[in-house]
Amino acid sequence: MTHKNPYRMTDPPAEGPSGVSRGDVLRSVLWALVVVSTVANMAASFGGARTWVHLLCGVVTVLCAGTLVVRNLRGHK
């Protein structure tokens, strides 16, 4: 049972019907992208792929990891 806190300045994060917030879903998707792009980069290394494949995987990894860091430093807002 949820009670409203009259002293709270902001509303709690909105949760979906299963009790999972959009922030949790976004964090899970970002982590999945980090893992997939890292594995793809390793596979490209072993397979001798072209340079643009490595760069694309690296850019995706850096952007997702950077977003996770920024979200963590900002307090999951």
PDB file of N, CA and C in Angstrom:
ATOM      1  N   MET A   1       0.845  -1.167   0.000  1.00  0.00           N
ATOM      2  CA  MET A   1       0.000   0.000   0.000  1.00  0.00           C
ATOM      3  C   MET A   1       0.894   1.235   0.000  1.00  0.00           C
ATOM      4  N   THR A   2       0.623   2.152  -0.890  1.00  0.00           N
ATOM      5  CA  THR A   2       1.452   3.338  -1.032  1.00  0.00           C
ATOM      6  C   THR A   2       0.776   4.535  -0.377  1.00  0.00           C
ATOM      7  N   HIS A   3       1.550   5.268   0.420  1.00  0.00           N
ATOM      8  CA  HIS A   3       1.047   6.477   1.053  1.00  0.00           C
ATOM      9  C   HIS A   3       1.769   7.676   0.465  1.00  0.00           C
ATOM     10  N   LYS A   4       1.054   8.776   0.313  1.00  0.00           N
ATOM     11  CA  LYS A   4       1.659  10.016  -0.159  1.00  0.00           C
ATOM     12  C   LYS A   4       2.390  10.671   1.004  1.00  0.00           C
ATOM     13  N   ASN A   5       3.593  11.137   0.732  1.00  0.00           N
ATOM     14  CA  ASN A   5       4.366  11.850   1.728  1.00  0.00           C
ATOM     15  C   ASN A   5       4.135  13.340   1.511  1.00  0.00           C
ATOM     16  N   PRO A   6       3.499  14.046   2.455  1.00  0.00           N
ATOM     17  CA  PRO A   6       3.197  15.460   2.242  1.00  0.00           C
ATOM     18  C   PRO A   6       4.449  16.335   2.229  1.00  0.00           C
ATOM     19  N   TYR A   7       5.572  15.831   2.711  1.00  0.00           N
ATOM     20  CA  TYR A   7       6.797  16.617   2.774  1.00  0.00           C
ATOM     21  C   TYR A   7       7.721  16.374   1.590  1.00  0.00           C
ATOM     22  N   ARG A   8       7.326  15.507   0.703  1.00  0.00           N
ATOM     23  CA  ARG A   8       8.143  15.193  -0.460  1.00  0.00           C
ATOM     24  C   ARG A   8       7.950  16.272  -1.520  1.00  0.00           C
ATOM     25  N   MET A   9       9.072  16.780  -2.077  1.00  0.00           N
ATOM     26  CA  MET A   9       9.009  17.862  -3.057  1.00  0.00           C
ATOM     27  C   MET A   9       8.660  17.361  -4.453  1.00  0.00           C
ATOM     28  N   THR A  10       8.992  16.124  -4.775  1.00  0.00           N
ATOM     29  CA  THR A  10       8.715  15.571  -6.092  1.00  0.00           C
ATOM     30  C   THR A  10       7.923  14.286  -5.938  1.00  0.00           C
ATOM     31  N   ASP A  11       7.262  13.916  -7.012  1.00  0.00           N
ATOM     32  CA  ASP A  11       6.525  12.658  -7.009  1.00  0.00           C
ATOM     33  C   ASP A  11       7.485  11.499  -7.198  1.00  0.00           C
ATOM     34  N   PRO A  12       7.168  10.344  -6.643  1.00  0.00           N
ATOM     35  CA  PRO A  12       8.021   9.170  -6.883  1.00  0.00           C
ATOM     36  C   PRO A  12       7.955   8.790  -8.363  1.00  0.00           C
ATOM     37  N   PRO A  13       8.956   8.080  -8.859  1.00  0.00           N
ATOM     38  CA  PRO A  13       8.952   7.706 -10.274  1.00  0.00           C
ATOM     39  C   PRO A  13       7.745   6.847 -10.623  1.00  0.00           C
ATOM     40  N   ALA A  14       7.238   7.080 -11.818  1.00  0.00           N
ATOM     41  CA  ALA A  14       6.076   6.313 -12.275  1.00  0.00           C
ATOM     42  C   ALA A  14       6.484   4.871 -12.537  1.00  0.00           C
ATOM     43  N   GLU A  15       5.676   3.966 -12.083  1.00  0.00           N
ATOM     44  CA  GLU A  15       5.947   2.554 -12.292  1.00  0.00           C
ATOM     45  C   GLU A  15       4.872   1.963 -13.178  1.00  0.00           C
ATOM     46  N   GLY A  16       5.280   0.988 -13.939  1.00  0.00           N
ATOM     47  CA  GLY A  16       4.350   0.314 -14.827  1.00  0.00           C
ATOM     48  C   GLY A  16       3.464  -0.649 -14.056  1.00  0.00           C
ATOM     49  N   PRO A  17       2.633  -1.394 -14.754  1.00  0.00           N
ATOM     50  CA  PRO A  17       1.722  -2.313 -14.077  1.00  0.00           C
ATOM     51  C   PRO A  17       2.449  -3.422 -13.317  1.00  0.00           C
ATOM     52  N   SER A  18       3.671  -3.754 -13.715  1.00  0.00           N
ATOM     53  CA  SER A  18       4.401  -4.818 -13.034  1.00  0.00           C
ATOM     54  C   SER A  18       5.288  -4.285 -11.919  1.00  0.00           C
ATOM     55  N   GLY A  19       5.259  -2.976 -11.672  1.00  0.00           N
ATOM     56  CA  GLY A  19       6.074  -2.392 -10.620  1.00  0.00           C
ATOM     57  C   GLY A  19       7.471  -2.040 -11.070  1.00  0.00           C
ATOM     58  N   VAL A  20       7.740  -2.062 -12.375  1.00  0.00           N
ATOM     59  CA  VAL A  20       9.058  -1.745 -12.913  1.00  0.00           C
ATOM     60  C   VAL A  20       8.996  -0.369 -13.551  1.00  0.00           C
ATOM     61  N   SER A  21       9.919   0.508 -13.168  1.00  0.00           N
ATOM     62  CA  SER A  21       9.910   1.861 -13.717  1.00  0.00           C
ATOM     63  C   SER A  21      10.585   1.887 -15.080  1.00  0.00           C
ATOM     64  N   ARG A  22      10.335   2.962 -15.826  1.00  0.00           N
ATOM     65  CA  ARG A  22      10.957   3.115 -17.141  1.00  0.00           C
ATOM     66  C   ARG A  22      12.471   3.229 -17.010  1.00  0.00           C
ATOM     67  N   GLY A  23      12.946   3.821 -15.918  1.00  0.00           N
ATOM     68  CA  GLY A  23      14.383   3.941 -15.695  1.00  0.00           C
ATOM     69  C   GLY A  23      15.056   2.585 -15.561  1.00  0.00           C
ATOM     70  N   ASP A  24      14.372   1.652 -14.899  1.00  0.00           N
ATOM     71  CA  ASP A  24      14.914   0.296 -14.758  1.00  0.00           C
ATOM     72  C   ASP A  24      14.998  -0.402 -16.110  1.00  0.00           C
ATOM     73  N   VAL A  25      13.983  -0.204 -16.926  1.00  0.00           N
ATOM     74  CA  VAL A  25      13.980  -0.822 -18.257  1.00  0.00           C
ATOM     75  C   VAL A  25      15.092  -0.220 -19.111  1.00  0.00           C
ATOM     76  N   LEU A  26      15.248   1.102 -19.058  1.00  0.00           N
ATOM     77  CA  LEU A  26      16.292   1.762 -19.831  1.00  0.00           C
ATOM     78  C   LEU A  26      17.677   1.288 -19.396  1.00  0.00           C
ATOM     79  N   ARG A  27      17.880   1.165 -18.091  1.00  0.00           N
ATOM     80  CA  ARG A  27      19.178   0.703 -17.587  1.00  0.00           C
ATOM     81  C   ARG A  27      19.459  -0.719 -18.062  1.00  0.00           C
ATOM     82  N   SER A  28      18.458  -1.575 -18.058  1.00  0.00           N
ATOM     83  CA  SER A  28      18.644  -2.948 -18.532  1.00  0.00           C
ATOM     84  C   SER A  28      18.975  -2.989 -20.021  1.00  0.00           C
ATOM     85  N   VAL A  29      18.289  -2.161 -20.801  1.00  0.00           N
ATOM     86  CA  VAL A  29      18.561  -2.109 -22.241  1.00  0.00           C
ATOM     87  C   VAL A  29      19.971  -1.588 -22.506  1.00  0.00           C
ATOM     88  N   LEU A  30      20.387  -0.555 -21.776  1.00  0.00           N
ATOM     89  CA  LEU A  30      21.736  -0.017 -21.960  1.00  0.00           C
ATOM     90  C   LEU A  30      22.802  -1.057 -21.615  1.00  0.00           C
ATOM     91  N   TRP A  31      22.605  -1.788 -20.525  1.00  0.00           N
ATOM     92  CA  TRP A  31      23.568  -2.829 -20.160  1.00  0.00           C
ATOM     93  C   TRP A  31      23.603  -3.932 -21.209  1.00  0.00           C
ATOM     94  N   ALA A  32      22.440  -4.290 -21.725  1.00  0.00           N
ATOM     95  CA  ALA A  32      22.404  -5.317 -22.770  1.00  0.00           C
ATOM     96  C   ALA A  32      23.147  -4.846 -24.015  1.00  0.00           C
ATOM     97  N   LEU A  33      22.977  -3.582 -24.390  1.00  0.00           N
ATOM     98  CA  LEU A  33      23.693  -3.043 -25.546  1.00  0.00           C
ATOM     99  C   LEU A  33      25.198  -3.000 -25.320  1.00  0.00           C
ATOM    100  N   VAL A  34      25.616  -2.687 -24.106  1.00  0.00           N
ATOM    101  CA  VAL A  34      27.052  -2.689 -23.796  1.00  0.00           C
ATOM    102  C   VAL A  34      27.619  -4.090 -23.980  1.00  0.00           C
ATOM    103  N   VAL A  35      26.928  -5.080 -23.457  1.00  0.00           N
ATOM    104  CA  VAL A  35      27.410  -6.462 -23.560  1.00  0.00           C
ATOM    105  C   VAL A  35      27.417  -6.930 -25.015  1.00  0.00           C
ATOM    106  N   VAL A  36      26.331  -6.667 -25.740  1.00  0.00           N
ATOM    107  CA  VAL A  36      26.239  -7.119 -27.129  1.00  0.00           C
ATOM    108  C   VAL A  36      27.297  -6.446 -28.000  1.00  0.00           C
ATOM    109  N   SER A  37      27.489  -5.144 -27.837  1.00  0.00           N
ATOM    110  CA  SER A  37      28.481  -4.452 -28.661  1.00  0.00           C
ATOM    111  C   SER A  37      29.908  -4.872 -28.306  1.00  0.00           C
ATOM    112  N   THR A  38      30.151  -5.181 -27.048  1.00  0.00           N
ATOM    113  CA  THR A  38      31.482  -5.659 -26.653  1.00  0.00           C
ATOM    114  C   THR A  38      31.756  -7.044 -27.243  1.00  0.00           C
ATOM    115  N   VAL A  39      30.774  -7.923 -27.169  1.00  0.00           N
ATOM    116  CA  VAL A  39      30.931  -9.264 -27.741  1.00  0.00           C
ATOM    117  C   VAL A  39      31.079  -9.182 -29.257  1.00  0.00           C
ATOM    118  N   ALA A  40      30.315  -8.297 -29.887  1.00  0.00           N
ATOM    119  CA  ALA A  40      30.432  -8.123 -31.340  1.00  0.00           C
ATOM    120  C   ALA A  40      31.819  -7.608 -31.715  1.00  0.00           C
ATOM    121  N   ASN A  41      32.370  -6.723 -30.915  1.00  0.00           N
ATOM    122  CA  ASN A  41      33.714  -6.209 -31.178  1.00  0.00           C
ATOM    123  C   ASN A  41      34.758  -7.316 -31.030  1.00  0.00           C
ATOM    124  N   MET A  42      34.593  -8.162 -30.028  1.00  0.00           N
ATOM    125  CA  MET A  42      35.527  -9.285 -29.861  1.00  0.00           C
ATOM    126  C   MET A  42      35.404 -10.266 -31.020  1.00  0.00           C
ATOM    127  N   ALA A  43      34.185 -10.546 -31.442  1.00  0.00           N
ATOM    128  CA  ALA A  43      33.988 -11.451 -32.574  1.00  0.00           C
ATOM    129  C   ALA A  43      34.577 -10.859 -33.847  1.00  0.00           C
ATOM    130  N   ALA A  44      34.444  -9.553 -34.018  1.00  0.00           N
ATOM    131  CA  ALA A  44      35.022  -8.891 -35.186  1.00  0.00           C
ATOM    132  C   ALA A  44      36.548  -8.965 -35.145  1.00  0.00           C
ATOM    133  N   SER A  45      37.112  -8.910 -33.957  1.00  0.00           N
ATOM    134  CA  SER A  45      38.569  -9.016 -33.826  1.00  0.00           C
ATOM    135  C   SER A  45      39.053 -10.398 -34.233  1.00  0.00           C
ATOM    136  N   PHE A  46      38.363 -11.422 -33.772  1.00  0.00           N
ATOM    137  CA  PHE A  46      38.763 -12.785 -34.112  1.00  0.00           C
ATOM    138  C   PHE A  46      38.463 -13.112 -35.566  1.00  0.00           C
ATOM    139  N   GLY A  47      37.427 -12.477 -36.128  1.00  0.00           N
ATOM    140  CA  GLY A  47      37.043 -12.758 -37.502  1.00  0.00           C
ATOM    141  C   GLY A  47      37.773 -11.929 -38.537  1.00  0.00           C
ATOM    142  N   GLY A  48      38.560 -10.972 -38.096  1.00  0.00           N
ATOM    143  CA  GLY A  48      39.295 -10.139 -39.039  1.00  0.00           C
ATOM    144  C   GLY A  48      38.405  -9.184 -39.818  1.00  0.00           C
ATOM    145  N   ALA A  49      37.441  -8.588 -39.151  1.00  0.00           N
ATOM    146  CA  ALA A  49      36.501  -7.682 -39.818  1.00  0.00           C
ATOM    147  C   ALA A  49      37.177  -6.358 -40.151  1.00  0.00           C
ATOM    148  N   ARG A  50      36.483  -5.574 -40.927  1.00  0.00           N
ATOM    149  CA  ARG A  50      37.005  -4.269 -41.327  1.00  0.00           C
ATOM    150  C   ARG A  50      37.019  -3.299 -40.149  1.00  0.00           C
ATOM    151  N   THR A  51      37.753  -2.212 -40.320  1.00  0.00           N
ATOM    152  CA  THR A  51      37.928  -1.235 -39.247  1.00  0.00           C
ATOM    153  C   THR A  51      36.613  -0.574 -38.859  1.00  0.00           C
ATOM    154  N   TRP A  52      35.737  -0.300 -39.818  1.00  0.00           N
ATOM    155  CA  TRP A  52      34.500   0.404 -39.503  1.00  0.00           C
ATOM    156  C   TRP A  52      33.611  -0.427 -38.572  1.00  0.00           C
ATOM    157  N   VAL A  53      33.712  -1.755 -38.626  1.00  0.00           N
ATOM    158  CA  VAL A  53      32.923  -2.599 -37.721  1.00  0.00           C
ATOM    159  C   VAL A  53      33.405  -2.406 -36.287  1.00  0.00           C
ATOM    160  N   HIS A  54      34.724  -2.373 -36.102  1.00  0.00           N
ATOM    161  CA  HIS A  54      35.288  -2.145 -34.768  1.00  0.00           C
ATOM    162  C   HIS A  54      34.900  -0.764 -34.247  1.00  0.00           C
ATOM    163  N   LEU A  55      34.980   0.230 -35.119  1.00  0.00           N
ATOM    164  CA  LEU A  55      34.634   1.590 -34.712  1.00  0.00           C
ATOM    165  C   LEU A  55      33.162   1.700 -34.332  1.00  0.00           C
ATOM    166  N   LEU A  56      32.295   1.084 -35.107  1.00  0.00           N
ATOM    167  CA  LEU A  56      30.864   1.128 -34.810  1.00  0.00           C
ATOM    168  C   LEU A  56      30.566   0.461 -33.465  1.00  0.00           C
ATOM    169  N   CYS A  57      31.159  -0.697 -33.243  1.00  0.00           N
ATOM    170  CA  CYS A  57      30.957  -1.390 -31.957  1.00  0.00           C
ATOM    171  C   CYS A  57      31.507  -0.560 -30.801  1.00  0.00           C
ATOM    172  N   GLY A  58      32.656   0.052 -31.011  1.00  0.00           N
ATOM    173  CA  GLY A  58      33.252   0.882 -29.971  1.00  0.00           C
ATOM    174  C   GLY A  58      32.417   2.104 -29.655  1.00  0.00           C
ATOM    175  N   VAL A  59      31.874   2.743 -30.685  1.00  0.00           N
ATOM    176  CA  VAL A  59      31.033   3.925 -30.472  1.00  0.00           C
ATOM    177  C   VAL A  59      29.779   3.552 -29.690  1.00  0.00           C
ATOM    178  N   VAL A  60      29.150   2.437 -30.050  1.00  0.00           N
ATOM    179  CA  VAL A  60      27.951   2.000 -29.330  1.00  0.00           C
ATOM    180  C   VAL A  60      28.287   1.702 -27.876  1.00  0.00           C
ATOM    181  N   THR A  61      29.401   1.033 -27.641  1.00  0.00           N
ATOM    182  CA  THR A  61      29.814   0.705 -26.273  1.00  0.00           C
ATOM    183  C   THR A  61      30.065   1.963 -25.456  1.00  0.00           C
ATOM    184  N   VAL A  62      30.800   2.909 -26.032  1.00  0.00           N
ATOM    185  CA  VAL A  62      31.137   4.145 -25.309  1.00  0.00           C
ATOM    186  C   VAL A  62      29.884   4.967 -25.022  1.00  0.00           C
ATOM    187  N   LEU A  63      28.983   5.086 -25.995  1.00  0.00           N
ATOM    188  CA  LEU A  63      27.768   5.867 -25.773  1.00  0.00           C
ATOM    189  C   LEU A  63      26.882   5.249 -24.688  1.00  0.00           C
ATOM    190  N   CYS A  64      26.713   3.947 -24.735  1.00  0.00           N
ATOM    191  CA  CYS A  64      25.871   3.283 -23.727  1.00  0.00           C
ATOM    192  C   CYS A  64      26.512   3.343 -22.341  1.00  0.00           C
ATOM    193  N   ALA A  65      27.803   3.078 -22.269  1.00  0.00           N
ATOM    194  CA  ALA A  65      28.493   3.132 -20.978  1.00  0.00           C
ATOM    195  C   ALA A  65      28.494   4.560 -20.430  1.00  0.00           C
ATOM    196  N   GLY A  66      28.702   5.527 -21.290  1.00  0.00           N
ATOM    197  CA  GLY A  66      28.672   6.924 -20.861  1.00  0.00           C
ATOM    198  C   GLY A  66      27.307   7.327 -20.346  1.00  0.00           C
ATOM    199  N   THR A  67      26.260   6.870 -21.009  1.00  0.00           N
ATOM    200  CA  THR A  67      24.902   7.159 -20.560  1.00  0.00           C
ATOM    201  C   THR A  67      24.634   6.531 -19.203  1.00  0.00           C
ATOM    202  N   LEU A  68      25.112   5.310 -19.000  1.00  0.00           N
ATOM    203  CA  LEU A  68      24.949   4.670 -17.692  1.00  0.00           C
ATOM    204  C   LEU A  68      25.676   5.441 -16.594  1.00  0.00           C
ATOM    205  N   VAL A  69      26.871   5.916 -16.890  1.00  0.00           N
ATOM    206  CA  VAL A  69      27.644   6.683 -15.893  1.00  0.00           C
ATOM    207  C   VAL A  69      26.937   7.995 -15.569  1.00  0.00           C
ATOM    208  N   VAL A  70      26.486   8.713 -16.595  1.00  0.00           N
ATOM    209  CA  VAL A  70      25.819   9.996 -16.375  1.00  0.00           C
ATOM    210  C   VAL A  70      24.534   9.804 -15.573  1.00  0.00           C
ATOM    211  N   ARG A  71      23.765   8.781 -15.909  1.00  0.00           N
ATOM    212  CA  ARG A  71      22.532   8.515 -15.166  1.00  0.00           C
ATOM    213  C   ARG A  71      22.824   8.180 -13.709  1.00  0.00           C
ATOM    214  N   ASN A  72      23.906   7.450 -13.464  1.00  0.00           N
ATOM    215  CA  ASN A  72      24.271   7.100 -12.098  1.00  0.00           C
ATOM    216  C   ASN A  72      24.716   8.337 -11.329  1.00  0.00           C
ATOM    217  N   LEU A  73      25.508   9.199 -11.967  1.00  0.00           N
ATOM    218  CA  LEU A  73      25.976  10.400 -11.282  1.00  0.00           C
ATOM    219  C   LEU A  73      24.851  11.395 -11.020  1.00  0.00           C
ATOM    220  N   ARG A  74      23.868  11.418 -11.866  1.00  0.00           N
ATOM    221  CA  ARG A  74      22.731  12.336 -11.678  1.00  0.00           C
ATOM    222  C   ARG A  74      21.677  11.768 -10.749  1.00  0.00           C
ATOM    223  N   GLY A  75      21.856  10.602 -10.270  1.00  0.00           N
ATOM    224  CA  GLY A  75      20.912  10.016  -9.316  1.00  0.00           C
ATOM    225  C   GLY A  75      19.717   9.377  -9.975  1.00  0.00           C
ATOM    226  N   HIS A  76      19.894   8.792 -11.158  1.00  0.00           N
ATOM    227  CA  HIS A  76      18.842   8.043 -11.859  1.00  0.00           C
ATOM    228  C   HIS A  76      17.654   8.915 -12.224  1.00  0.00           C
ATOM    229  N   LYS A  77      17.896  10.137 -12.603  1.00  0.00           N
ATOM    230  CA  LYS A  77      16.795  11.025 -12.995  1.00  0.00           C
ATOM    231  C   LYS A  77      16.447  10.880 -14.434  1.00  0.00           C
TER     232      LYS A  77
END
